[in-house]
Amino acid sequence: MTTERFQRRIPEGEDRERLICGDCGFVAYENPKIVVGSVVSEGGRVLLCRRAINPRRGFWTLPAGYMELGETVEEGARREAWEEARVKLALEGILAVYSIARIGQVQVIFRAGLAEPGHEPGPESLETRFFEWGDIPWDEIAFPSVHWALKAWREGGTGIAGNPPEDRRGMAGL
């Protein structure tokens, strides 16, 4: 499949442009990516990972990343926590679902604790650390949705949090 044969146009019966193969009519759908992650807490503290990769290398984030084909959201969250912080999670349920339309992401964030003690940086992290709420390096947080998830965790509601009212579509950048 070469991109020279693809053209952007609106397929019959649809309402938006898609990439369509000029030879066979194949429609290449471009859909949002799903990110899974967790607010991991232990004794009232939260686990953050200092990113070793771009975007936002050197900034703090939750253990999170893109789902892989063939895994559930729970499996993806556990895998990402292992890859980034070498932690085994005890998932406690979904904390939040965020829509980040400006970059085509849907983020599913879990509440979690440690299934086993210990943490250390994985290949995508420079450092991992549990922070007391007042010690979180807010000015060094990598992404707006990390702020949102930490706030949702702190508020401790029983429902599933979503985008804040001022950014329903996740359009605000850093």
Protein backbone atom coordinates (compact mmCIF):
# COMPACT_ATOMS: atom_id res chain seq x y z
CA MET A 1 0.00 0.00 0.00
CA THR A 2 1.77 3.14 -1.19
CA THR A 3 0.61 6.58 -0.14
CA GLU A 4 0.85 8.04 -3.68
CA ARG A 5 -2.35 6.22 -4.59
CA PHE A 6 -4.29 7.64 -1.66
CA GLN A 7 -6.36 10.79 -1.96
CA ARG A 8 -8.34 12.69 0.66
CA ARG A 9 -12.03 12.78 -0.16
CA ILE A 10 -15.41 12.10 1.40
CA PRO A 11 -16.54 8.48 0.83
CA GLU A 12 -20.10 7.87 -0.23
CA GLY A 13 -22.42 7.79 2.77
CA GLU A 14 -19.96 9.53 5.10
CA ASP A 15 -19.55 13.11 6.25
CA ARG A 16 -15.79 13.68 6.51
CA GLU A 17 -12.68 13.32 4.42
CA ARG A 18 -10.79 10.05 4.55
CA LEU A 19 -7.73 8.68 2.78
CA ILE A 20 -9.04 6.55 -0.08
CA CYS A 21 -7.00 4.39 -2.45
CA GLY A 22 -7.52 5.64 -6.00
CA ASP A 23 -6.97 2.11 -7.38
CA CYS A 24 -9.18 -0.12 -5.23
CA GLY A 25 -11.30 2.25 -3.11
CA PHE A 26 -9.86 1.04 0.24
CA VAL A 27 -10.63 3.57 2.99
CA ALA A 28 -7.77 4.12 5.45
CA TYR A 29 -9.54 5.22 8.62
CA GLU A 30 -7.56 7.40 11.01
CA ASN A 31 -8.88 6.87 14.51
CA PRO A 32 -7.86 8.07 17.97
CA LYS A 33 -5.15 6.25 19.88
CA ILE A 34 -6.00 4.81 23.29
CA VAL A 35 -3.71 5.61 26.20
CA VAL A 36 -3.96 3.61 29.43
CA GLY A 37 -2.37 4.46 32.74
CA SER A 38 -2.79 4.64 36.49
CA VAL A 39 -2.64 6.90 39.47
CA VAL A 40 -0.72 4.52 41.72
CA SER A 41 -1.01 5.38 45.39
CA GLU A 42 0.65 4.00 48.49
CA GLY A 43 0.10 5.45 51.96
CA GLY A 44 -1.47 8.63 50.57
CA ARG A 45 1.41 9.26 48.19
CA VAL A 46 1.32 8.99 44.38
CA LEU A 47 3.85 7.43 42.03
CA LEU A 48 5.29 9.60 39.27
CA CYS A 49 7.82 8.78 36.59
CA ARG A 50 10.34 11.25 35.14
CA ARG A 51 10.22 10.72 31.37
CA ALA A 52 13.36 9.45 29.61
CA ILE A 53 11.77 9.88 26.19
CA ASN A 54 10.12 12.62 24.16
CA PRO A 55 7.71 14.22 24.16
CA ARG A 56 8.40 16.10 27.39
CA ARG A 57 11.63 14.31 28.32
CA GLY A 58 12.62 15.10 31.91
CA PHE A 59 9.08 15.96 33.01
CA TRP A 60 6.98 13.94 35.46
CA THR A 61 4.04 11.80 34.43
CA LEU A 62 1.90 8.87 35.49
CA PRO A 63 2.90 5.38 34.38
CA ALA A 64 0.90 5.36 31.13
CA GLY A 65 1.18 4.80 27.41
CA TYR A 66 -0.45 3.48 24.26
CA MET A 67 -2.41 0.24 24.29
CA GLU A 68 -1.16 -2.61 22.14
CA LEU A 69 -3.36 -4.68 19.86
CA GLY A 70 -4.70 -7.77 21.61
CA GLU A 71 -4.69 -6.41 25.16
CA THR A 72 -7.46 -5.16 27.42
CA VAL A 73 -7.29 -1.72 29.03
CA GLU A 74 -6.40 -3.41 32.33
CA GLU A 75 -3.59 -5.44 30.73
CA GLY A 76 -2.29 -2.32 29.03
CA ALA A 77 -2.26 -0.33 32.28
CA ARG A 78 -0.38 -3.13 34.06
CA ARG A 79 2.14 -3.45 31.20
CA GLU A 80 2.79 0.29 31.08
CA ALA A 81 3.32 0.43 34.86
CA TRP A 82 5.85 -2.38 34.57
CA GLU A 83 7.64 -0.82 31.58
CA GLU A 84 7.91 2.62 33.16
CA ALA A 85 8.23 1.97 36.89
CA ARG A 86 8.79 -1.78 37.34
CA VAL A 87 5.68 -1.99 39.52
CA LYS A 88 3.02 -4.68 39.65
CA LEU A 89 -0.39 -3.11 40.05
CA ALA A 90 -3.51 -3.92 42.00
CA LEU A 91 -6.08 -2.09 39.87
CA GLU A 92 -8.96 -0.59 41.85
CA GLY A 93 -11.18 0.60 38.99
CA ILE A 94 -11.36 3.33 36.40
CA LEU A 95 -10.63 6.79 37.79
CA ALA A 96 -11.11 8.84 34.61
CA VAL A 97 -11.63 8.84 30.86
CA TYR A 98 -10.24 11.84 29.01
CA SER A 99 -10.75 13.00 25.43
CA ILE A 100 -7.73 14.76 23.97
CA ALA A 101 -9.12 15.73 20.57
CA ARG A 102 -6.20 17.97 19.56
CA ILE A 103 -3.88 14.94 19.37
CA GLY A 104 -6.43 12.19 18.73
CA GLN A 105 -6.22 10.38 22.06
CA VAL A 106 -8.65 8.78 24.47
CA GLN A 107 -7.07 8.18 27.88
CA VAL A 108 -8.35 5.59 30.35
CA ILE A 109 -6.79 6.15 33.77
CA PHE A 110 -7.16 3.69 36.64
CA ARG A 111 -6.89 3.99 40.41
CA ALA A 112 -4.26 1.50 41.55
CA GLY A 113 -2.14 0.36 44.42
CA LEU A 114 0.92 -1.86 44.51
CA ALA A 115 0.36 -5.61 44.25
CA GLU A 116 3.98 -6.08 45.41
CA PRO A 117 6.35 -3.61 47.07
CA GLY A 118 9.06 -1.80 45.16
CA HIS A 119 9.59 0.43 42.14
CA GLU A 120 12.47 1.50 39.92
CA PRO A 121 12.84 3.24 36.57
CA GLY A 122 12.10 1.17 33.51
CA PRO A 123 13.60 1.94 30.08
CA GLU A 124 11.24 4.89 29.47
CA SER A 125 11.87 6.59 32.84
CA LEU A 126 14.83 8.46 34.29
CA GLU A 127 13.46 8.25 37.83
CA THR A 128 10.43 7.00 39.75
CA ARG A 129 9.25 8.40 43.04
CA PHE A 130 6.26 8.46 45.39
CA PHE A 131 5.22 12.02 46.23
CA GLU A 132 3.19 13.46 49.07
CA TRP A 133 0.49 15.74 47.64
CA GLY A 134 2.26 18.93 48.72
CA ASP A 135 5.57 17.78 47.20
CA ILE A 136 4.32 17.02 43.66
CA PRO A 137 6.43 19.08 41.21
CA TRP A 138 3.40 20.73 39.57
CA ASP A 139 5.48 22.97 37.29
CA GLU A 140 7.29 19.90 35.94
CA ILE A 141 4.22 17.78 35.10
CA ALA A 142 4.40 16.57 31.50
CA PHE A 143 0.79 16.78 30.32
CA PRO A 144 -2.47 18.55 31.27
CA SER A 145 -4.25 15.21 31.69
CA VAL A 146 -1.77 14.24 34.43
CA HIS A 147 -2.91 17.33 36.37
CA TRP A 148 -6.55 16.32 35.77
CA ALA A 149 -6.00 12.71 36.90
CA LEU A 150 -4.12 13.71 40.05
CA LYS A 151 -6.89 16.17 40.94
CA ALA A 152 -9.57 13.49 40.32
CA TRP A 153 -7.64 11.06 42.54
CA ARG A 154 -7.30 13.67 45.29
CA GLU A 155 -11.02 14.51 45.17
CA GLY A 156 -11.76 10.80 45.64
CA GLY A 157 -15.15 10.76 43.94
CA THR A 158 -16.90 7.48 43.29
CA GLY A 159 -17.77 8.22 39.65
CA ILE A 160 -15.54 8.28 36.61
CA ALA A 161 -13.97 11.70 36.03
CA GLY A 162 -13.79 13.32 32.62
CA ASN A 163 -12.28 16.41 31.04
CA PRO A 164 -12.60 19.57 33.11
CA PRO A 165 -15.48 21.90 32.12
CA GLU A 166 -13.06 24.48 30.69
CA ASP A 167 -11.49 21.94 28.30
CA ARG A 168 -14.20 19.40 27.37
CA ARG A 169 -12.44 18.43 24.13
CA GLY A 170 -8.85 18.40 25.42
CA MET A 171 -7.81 21.21 23.11
CA ALA A 172 -5.59 23.19 25.49
CA GLY A 173 -1.90 22.44 25.10
CA LEU A 174 0.93 22.75 27.56
